[in-house]
């Protein structure tokens, strides 16, 4: 069963067509990698799915709900969370506080309760704190070893990447969109992330769609690979199928060689 269904998705920016009549599905429990050369429309696709950009044409259906026109806050409430190509954390806030922010979509207390702090607010605050720490603990020693009150700015770049994934998980998603999650990571850290992505799918039951240039990660986690070029899907299938596809090779390198 498709959790995410995209049909005829199109987006123009001036005279440039970033996404061109795209059809794409992601089934429940699937790990799908979206690859393609720079400028292929990959991040624009994520922006369209999460409501940060509105399509010119096309439909996006998530878990049976049409989501075109919804605000990003409404889309995350439905269960779509994402990370960004450029890490977007609150650098002066603590590790824990950065993750607690993601639970805002699951809380109901307003400004008045935040000021008066009745028992219901304190219970919700404690639940939010616990959910944040569970998300951090999922990363094992990599995050549990951190002091949760450490400012995010003090973390290494790779750990900022991990923290951003933890924050996305804390929102309780059904679908997790990862935009170049290995950017800035060394080969050892990339290998760790391969195992983490599988665990997120298997242990938390989250469907994952990721954008990535590191073919080691794509090959290591993907059940299906979708290749975009100039906003269109030019190939789809298992990694070994798309890696040997002549159109994919030409899109990446302009000559007959493997993109890996």
Protein backbone atom coordinates (compact mmCIF):
# COMPACT_ATOMS: atom_id res chain seq x y z
CA UNK A 1 0.00 0.00 0.00
CA UNK A 2 1.37 3.43 -0.97
CA UNK A 3 1.82 5.77 1.97
CA UNK A 4 2.88 8.62 -0.32
CA UNK A 5 1.43 9.07 -3.81
CA UNK A 6 2.60 11.83 -6.15
CA UNK A 7 0.94 12.37 -9.52
CA UNK A 8 1.82 14.88 -12.22
CA UNK A 9 3.78 17.11 -9.84
CA UNK A 10 5.08 20.23 -11.58
CA UNK A 11 6.85 23.33 -10.30
CA UNK A 12 8.30 26.24 -12.26
CA UNK A 13 10.58 28.96 -10.95
CA UNK A 14 10.49 31.70 -13.55
CA UNK A 15 11.57 30.07 -16.79
CA UNK A 16 13.05 27.01 -15.06
CA UNK A 17 10.98 23.85 -14.58
CA UNK A 18 12.37 22.32 -11.39
CA UNK A 19 9.90 19.41 -11.23
CA UNK A 20 8.24 18.24 -14.42
CA UNK A 21 5.12 16.04 -14.28
CA UNK A 22 6.59 13.71 -11.67
CA UNK A 23 4.85 10.50 -10.59
CA UNK A 24 6.32 8.82 -7.51
CA UNK A 25 5.11 6.42 -4.80
CA UNK A 26 6.55 5.27 -1.49
CA UNK A 27 5.01 2.19 0.10
CA UNK A 28 4.59 1.74 3.84
CA UNK A 29 7.82 0.48 5.38
CA UNK A 30 9.90 1.15 2.26
CA UNK A 31 13.27 2.89 2.00
CA UNK A 32 13.48 4.87 -1.24
CA UNK A 33 16.50 6.87 -2.38
CA UNK A 34 16.09 9.80 -4.75
CA UNK A 35 19.29 10.52 -6.63
CA UNK A 36 20.35 12.68 -9.53
CA UNK A 37 22.85 15.36 -10.53
CA UNK A 38 22.81 18.81 -8.96
CA UNK A 39 19.80 20.80 -10.12
CA UNK A 40 17.72 17.69 -10.82
CA UNK A 41 14.85 18.89 -8.58
CA UNK A 42 15.43 16.64 -5.57
CA UNK A 43 15.23 19.22 -2.78
CA UNK A 44 12.38 21.01 -4.58
CA UNK A 45 10.50 17.70 -4.43
CA UNK A 46 10.93 17.59 -0.64
CA UNK A 47 9.86 21.23 -0.35
CA UNK A 48 6.69 20.45 -2.30
CA UNK A 49 5.84 17.40 -0.18
CA UNK A 50 6.34 19.30 3.10
CA UNK A 51 4.33 22.36 2.05
CA UNK A 52 7.28 24.75 1.98
CA UNK A 53 6.61 25.30 -1.73
CA UNK A 54 3.28 24.98 -3.51
CA UNK A 55 3.16 23.07 -6.81
CA UNK A 56 1.84 24.64 -10.00
CA UNK A 57 0.14 21.37 -10.91
CA UNK A 58 -0.23 17.87 -9.59
CA UNK A 59 -1.42 15.92 -6.56
CA UNK A 60 0.29 14.75 -3.39
CA UNK A 61 -1.60 12.21 -1.29
CA UNK A 62 -0.23 11.10 2.07
CA UNK A 63 -1.89 8.32 4.05
CA UNK A 64 -5.10 8.94 2.14
CA UNK A 65 -5.08 12.74 2.63
CA UNK A 66 -4.54 15.24 -0.16
CA UNK A 67 -1.92 17.62 1.21
CA UNK A 68 -1.41 20.18 -1.56
CA UNK A 69 -2.25 23.57 -0.06
CA UNK A 70 -1.75 22.54 3.56
CA UNK A 71 0.63 24.50 5.76
CA UNK A 72 3.90 22.84 6.80
CA UNK A 73 2.60 22.68 10.40
CA UNK A 74 -0.48 20.75 9.23
CA UNK A 75 1.64 18.36 7.18
CA UNK A 76 3.93 17.53 10.09
CA UNK A 77 0.86 16.88 12.25
CA UNK A 78 -0.25 14.29 9.67
CA UNK A 79 3.10 12.53 10.08
CA UNK A 80 5.71 13.82 7.62
CA UNK A 81 9.02 15.00 9.09
CA UNK A 82 12.20 16.05 7.34
CA UNK A 83 15.80 17.07 7.71
CA UNK A 84 17.52 19.68 5.55
CA UNK A 85 20.49 19.74 3.21
CA UNK A 86 21.94 22.52 5.37
CA UNK A 87 21.55 21.68 9.06
CA UNK A 88 18.88 23.85 10.71
CA UNK A 89 19.23 23.70 14.48
CA UNK A 90 18.82 26.30 17.22
CA UNK A 91 22.53 26.70 18.09
CA UNK A 92 22.09 28.37 21.49
CA UNK A 93 19.44 25.92 22.65
CA UNK A 94 20.47 22.67 24.32
CA UNK A 95 20.52 19.29 22.63
CA UNK A 96 17.38 18.30 24.55
CA UNK A 97 15.56 21.56 23.82
CA UNK A 98 16.25 21.25 20.09
CA UNK A 99 14.48 17.88 20.09
CA UNK A 100 11.66 19.02 22.39
CA UNK A 101 10.77 21.69 19.81
CA UNK A 102 9.66 18.93 17.44
CA UNK A 103 6.98 17.78 19.89
CA UNK A 104 5.11 21.08 19.54
CA UNK A 105 2.94 19.45 16.85
CA UNK A 106 1.78 16.87 19.43
CA UNK A 107 1.04 19.26 22.32
CA UNK A 108 -2.15 21.17 23.08
CA UNK A 109 -1.19 23.67 25.77
CA UNK A 110 -1.42 27.32 24.75
CA UNK A 111 0.20 30.53 25.95
CA UNK A 112 -2.03 30.89 29.00
CA UNK A 113 -1.17 27.43 30.32
CA UNK A 114 2.52 28.09 29.68
CA UNK A 115 2.27 31.13 31.96
CA UNK A 116 0.08 29.58 34.67
CA UNK A 117 1.68 26.11 34.49
CA UNK A 118 -1.28 24.04 35.72
CA UNK A 119 -0.84 20.28 36.37
CA UNK A 120 -1.97 19.45 32.81
CA UNK A 121 0.78 21.66 31.38
CA UNK A 122 3.43 20.15 33.64
CA UNK A 123 2.37 16.62 32.63
CA UNK A 124 2.58 17.54 28.96
CA UNK A 125 5.96 19.17 29.50
CA UNK A 126 7.27 16.02 31.20
CA UNK A 127 5.91 13.84 28.37
CA UNK A 128 7.61 16.10 25.82
CA UNK A 129 10.90 15.86 27.69
CA UNK A 130 10.66 12.07 27.88
CA UNK A 131 9.82 11.79 24.16
CA UNK A 132 12.84 13.95 23.30
CA UNK A 133 15.16 11.82 25.42
CA UNK A 134 13.79 8.61 23.85
CA UNK A 135 14.55 10.01 20.40
CA UNK A 136 18.08 10.90 21.50
CA UNK A 137 18.61 7.53 23.17
CA UNK A 138 17.78 5.77 19.89
CA UNK A 139 21.18 6.90 18.63
CA UNK A 140 22.95 4.93 21.35
CA UNK A 141 26.33 6.05 22.62
CA UNK A 142 26.63 8.68 19.90
CA UNK A 143 23.96 10.78 21.57
CA UNK A 144 23.49 9.30 25.03
CA UNK A 145 27.11 10.26 25.71
CA UNK A 146 26.26 13.90 25.15
CA UNK A 147 25.14 16.04 28.01
CA UNK A 148 21.55 16.80 27.05
CA UNK A 149 21.97 20.37 28.28
CA UNK A 150 24.97 20.97 25.97
CA UNK A 151 24.32 23.79 23.46
CA UNK A 152 23.83 22.48 19.92
CA UNK A 153 26.53 24.83 18.64
CA UNK A 154 29.16 22.85 20.58
CA UNK A 155 28.52 19.63 18.63
CA UNK A 156 30.60 18.35 15.73
CA UNK A 157 29.04 18.69 12.29
CA UNK A 158 28.27 14.96 12.11
CA UNK A 159 26.58 15.08 15.52
CA UNK A 160 24.52 18.06 14.42
CA UNK A 161 23.33 15.89 11.56
CA UNK A 162 22.40 13.15 14.03
CA UNK A 163 20.63 15.65 16.26
CA UNK A 164 18.55 16.90 13.35
CA UNK A 165 17.43 13.32 12.62
CA UNK A 166 16.60 12.82 16.33
CA UNK A 167 14.50 15.98 16.26
CA UNK A 168 12.59 14.76 13.21
CA UNK A 169 11.92 11.40 14.89
CA UNK A 170 10.61 13.12 18.03
CA UNK A 171 7.69 14.51 16.03
CA UNK A 172 6.36 10.96 15.65
CA UNK A 173 6.45 10.67 11.84
CA UNK A 174 5.09 7.96 9.59
CA UNK A 175 7.26 9.27 6.75
CA UNK A 176 10.78 10.62 7.24
CA UNK A 177 12.43 12.67 4.48
CA UNK A 178 16.22 12.86 4.78
CA UNK A 179 17.96 15.46 2.61
CA UNK A 180 21.63 14.44 2.14
CA UNK A 181 22.00 12.98 5.65
CA UNK A 182 25.67 12.02 5.18
CA UNK A 183 26.85 15.47 4.08
CA UNK A 184 30.02 16.29 6.06
CA UNK A 185 30.40 12.75 7.41
CA UNK A 186 33.48 10.57 7.00
CA UNK A 187 33.24 6.96 5.67
CA UNK A 188 33.01 5.47 9.19
CA UNK A 189 30.18 7.84 10.16
CA UNK A 190 28.40 7.06 6.89
CA UNK A 191 28.62 3.36 7.68
CA UNK A 192 27.03 3.99 11.08
CA UNK A 193 24.22 5.95 9.43
CA UNK A 194 23.44 3.05 7.09
CA UNK A 195 22.69 0.90 10.14
CA UNK A 196 20.74 3.70 11.81
CA UNK A 197 18.44 4.23 8.82
CA UNK A 198 17.61 0.53 8.72
CA UNK A 199 16.87 0.56 12.46
CA UNK A 200 14.56 3.56 12.12
CA UNK A 201 12.54 1.68 9.52
CA UNK A 202 12.58 -1.67 11.30
CA UNK A 203 12.23 -0.65 14.95
CA UNK A 204 10.12 2.50 14.73
CA UNK A 205 8.15 1.47 11.62
CA UNK A 206 8.89 4.65 9.68
CA UNK A 207 8.88 4.87 5.89
CA UNK A 208 11.98 6.69 4.62
CA UNK A 209 12.64 8.67 1.46
CA UNK A 210 16.12 10.11 1.22
CA UNK A 211 18.13 12.31 -1.11
CA UNK A 212 21.77 11.35 -1.26
CA UNK A 213 24.92 11.69 -3.37
CA UNK A 214 26.92 9.10 -1.44
CA UNK A 215 26.33 5.93 -3.45
CA UNK A 216 27.64 3.75 -0.63
CA UNK A 217 24.68 4.80 1.50
CA UNK A 218 22.23 4.56 -1.40
CA UNK A 219 23.39 1.04 -2.20
CA UNK A 220 23.44 0.04 1.47
CA UNK A 221 19.90 1.03 2.46
CA UNK A 222 17.71 1.37 -0.63
CA UNK A 223 15.03 -1.08 -1.62
CA UNK A 224 14.27 1.17 -4.58
CA UNK A 225 16.16 4.01 -6.23
CA UNK A 226 14.51 6.83 -8.18
CA UNK A 227 16.69 8.92 -10.48
CA UNK A 228 15.73 12.49 -11.40
CA UNK A 229 17.19 14.69 -14.11
CA UNK A 230 15.81 18.12 -14.99
CA UNK A 231 12.82 17.42 -12.76
CA UNK A 232 11.81 14.21 -14.51
CA UNK A 233 12.16 10.58 -13.45
CA UNK A 234 14.60 8.93 -15.85
CA UNK A 235 15.02 5.59 -14.07
CA UNK A 236 13.59 3.57 -11.20
CA UNK A 237 14.46 0.21 -9.72
CA UNK A 238 17.04 -1.61 -7.64
CA UNK A 239 20.42 0.04 -7.18
CA UNK A 240 22.24 -2.28 -9.56
CA UNK A 241 19.60 -1.67 -12.23
CA UNK A 242 19.80 2.11 -12.14
CA UNK A 243 23.60 2.15 -11.72
CA UNK A 244 23.97 0.42 -15.09
CA UNK A 245 21.25 2.44 -16.85
CA UNK A 246 22.74 4.41 -19.75
CA UNK A 247 20.47 7.42 -19.19
CA UNK A 248 21.58 7.59 -15.56
CA UNK A 249 25.24 7.33 -16.51
CA UNK A 250 24.85 10.12 -19.05
CA UNK A 251 22.99 12.34 -16.58
CA UNK A 252 25.79 12.03 -14.03
CA UNK A 253 28.89 11.92 -16.17
CA UNK A 254 27.99 12.57 -19.79
CA UNK A 255 29.88 9.43 -20.81
CA UNK A 256 29.65 5.67 -20.46
CA UNK A 257 30.85 5.02 -16.93
CA UNK A 258 29.31 3.95 -13.65
CA UNK A 259 27.84 6.76 -11.43
CA UNK A 260 29.04 4.83 -8.40
